[in-house]
């Protein structure tokens, strides 16, 4: 069996040229793009407040931040606090869009099943 030696690349020369690096960065991927198109509307104070709350939520709860926001939204929903529910749903959506879509879908089904809640 023949053994071939392949030396590691040195730090003196980067793997990509500057043009190749720019081209690679311009093709960055978003795994949610097809399901959830980007909202290119300019940021407003409410969206900035939601982003700030989502970042604080992530700082406090780490990887479980979206699940915690979902639990808060569910609690507010069942307590009849619609404004608080909408807030936590927005925070959850910022952290995990798929989880927020599922939460909104289940809340819609719950409301449809209980006509008193929708009034």
Protein backbone atom coordinates (compact mmCIF):
# COMPACT_ATOMS: atom_id res chain seq x y z
CA UNK A 1 0.00 0.00 0.00
CA UNK A 2 1.31 3.41 -0.99
CA UNK A 3 1.24 6.25 1.52
CA UNK A 4 0.89 9.81 0.28
CA UNK A 5 1.81 12.81 2.37
CA UNK A 6 -0.39 15.93 2.18
CA UNK A 7 0.95 18.84 4.19
CA UNK A 8 -1.48 21.08 6.04
CA UNK A 9 -2.08 24.48 4.53
CA UNK A 10 -0.09 27.22 6.15
CA UNK A 11 -1.37 30.43 7.66
CA UNK A 12 0.60 32.52 5.18
CA UNK A 13 -1.93 32.10 2.39
CA UNK A 14 -5.70 32.05 2.94
CA UNK A 15 -7.79 29.31 1.32
CA UNK A 16 -10.06 31.78 -0.48
CA UNK A 17 -9.11 34.85 -2.41
CA UNK A 18 -10.85 38.09 -1.48
CA UNK A 19 -13.22 37.76 -4.47
CA UNK A 20 -14.07 34.16 -3.53
CA UNK A 21 -14.76 35.18 0.07
CA UNK A 22 -17.11 38.00 -1.05
CA UNK A 23 -18.91 35.59 -3.38
CA UNK A 24 -19.32 33.02 -0.60
CA UNK A 25 -20.73 35.59 1.83
CA UNK A 26 -23.20 36.90 -0.76
CA UNK A 27 -24.75 33.41 -1.00
CA UNK A 28 -25.53 33.01 2.71
CA UNK A 29 -28.44 30.69 3.42
CA UNK A 30 -31.52 31.12 5.58
CA UNK A 31 -33.21 27.83 6.42
CA UNK A 32 -36.58 29.55 6.99
CA UNK A 33 -36.64 31.58 3.79
CA UNK A 34 -39.10 29.48 1.77
CA UNK A 35 -41.60 29.06 4.59
CA UNK A 36 -41.30 32.52 6.06
CA UNK A 37 -40.32 35.27 3.60
CA UNK A 38 -38.28 38.09 5.02
CA UNK A 39 -40.16 41.17 6.11
CA UNK A 40 -38.18 44.02 4.58
CA UNK A 41 -40.24 46.75 6.23
CA UNK A 42 -38.20 49.31 8.18
CA UNK A 43 -37.86 48.64 11.89
CA UNK A 44 -40.11 50.57 14.23
CA UNK A 45 -39.98 51.08 17.97
CA UNK A 46 -42.33 48.13 18.65
CA UNK A 47 -40.24 45.70 16.61
CA UNK A 48 -37.09 46.97 18.32
CA UNK A 49 -38.74 46.46 21.71
CA UNK A 50 -39.71 42.91 20.75
CA UNK A 51 -36.19 42.19 19.53
CA UNK A 52 -34.78 43.60 22.76
CA UNK A 53 -37.18 41.42 24.79
CA UNK A 54 -36.24 38.36 22.73
CA UNK A 55 -32.54 38.99 23.32
CA UNK A 56 -33.15 39.40 27.06
CA UNK A 57 -35.24 36.24 27.03
CA UNK A 58 -32.41 34.37 25.33
CA UNK A 59 -29.89 35.76 27.81
CA UNK A 60 -32.04 34.61 30.72
CA UNK A 61 -33.18 31.21 29.42
CA UNK A 62 -30.61 30.21 26.81
CA UNK A 63 -31.66 27.58 24.30
CA UNK A 64 -35.01 27.18 26.08
CA UNK A 65 -35.96 30.82 25.60
CA UNK A 66 -38.51 30.16 22.84
CA UNK A 67 -40.20 27.43 24.88
CA UNK A 68 -40.38 29.77 27.87
CA UNK A 69 -41.88 32.54 25.71
CA UNK A 70 -44.40 30.03 24.36
CA UNK A 71 -45.38 29.02 27.91
CA UNK A 72 -45.83 32.69 28.84
CA UNK A 73 -47.99 33.24 25.75
CA UNK A 74 -50.12 30.19 26.55
CA UNK A 75 -50.57 31.36 30.14
CA UNK A 76 -51.67 34.82 28.95
CA UNK A 77 -53.99 33.28 26.35
CA UNK A 78 -55.81 31.11 28.86
CA UNK A 79 -55.96 34.00 31.34
CA UNK A 80 -57.74 36.05 28.66
CA UNK A 81 -54.97 38.66 28.44
CA UNK A 82 -54.96 39.18 24.67
CA UNK A 83 -52.41 41.99 24.57
CA UNK A 84 -49.93 40.07 26.72
CA UNK A 85 -50.53 36.97 24.59
CA UNK A 86 -49.75 38.94 21.41
CA UNK A 87 -46.55 40.29 23.00
CA UNK A 88 -45.26 36.86 24.03
CA UNK A 89 -46.27 35.40 20.68
CA UNK A 90 -44.15 38.07 18.97
CA UNK A 91 -41.20 37.29 21.27
CA UNK A 92 -41.62 33.57 20.55
CA UNK A 93 -41.83 34.31 16.81
CA UNK A 94 -38.57 36.26 17.01
CA UNK A 95 -36.82 33.33 18.70
CA UNK A 96 -38.44 30.40 16.83
CA UNK A 97 -40.84 31.05 13.96
CA UNK A 98 -41.99 27.46 13.62
CA UNK A 99 -42.86 27.22 17.30
CA UNK A 100 -44.79 30.49 17.11
CA UNK A 101 -46.74 29.32 14.05
CA UNK A 102 -47.74 26.17 15.94
CA UNK A 103 -48.74 28.21 18.98
CA UNK A 104 -50.85 30.62 16.93
CA UNK A 105 -52.48 27.71 15.09
CA UNK A 106 -53.41 25.96 18.36
CA UNK A 107 -54.70 29.24 19.84
CA UNK A 108 -56.87 29.79 16.75
CA UNK A 109 -58.28 26.28 17.09
CA UNK A 110 -58.96 26.83 20.79
CA UNK A 111 -60.74 30.11 20.05
CA UNK A 112 -62.78 28.52 17.25
CA UNK A 113 -63.81 25.75 19.65
CA UNK A 114 -64.90 28.20 22.35
CA UNK A 115 -67.14 31.00 20.96
CA UNK A 116 -67.10 32.95 24.27
CA UNK A 117 -63.33 33.57 23.96
CA UNK A 118 -63.58 35.15 20.50
CA UNK A 119 -66.01 37.88 21.64
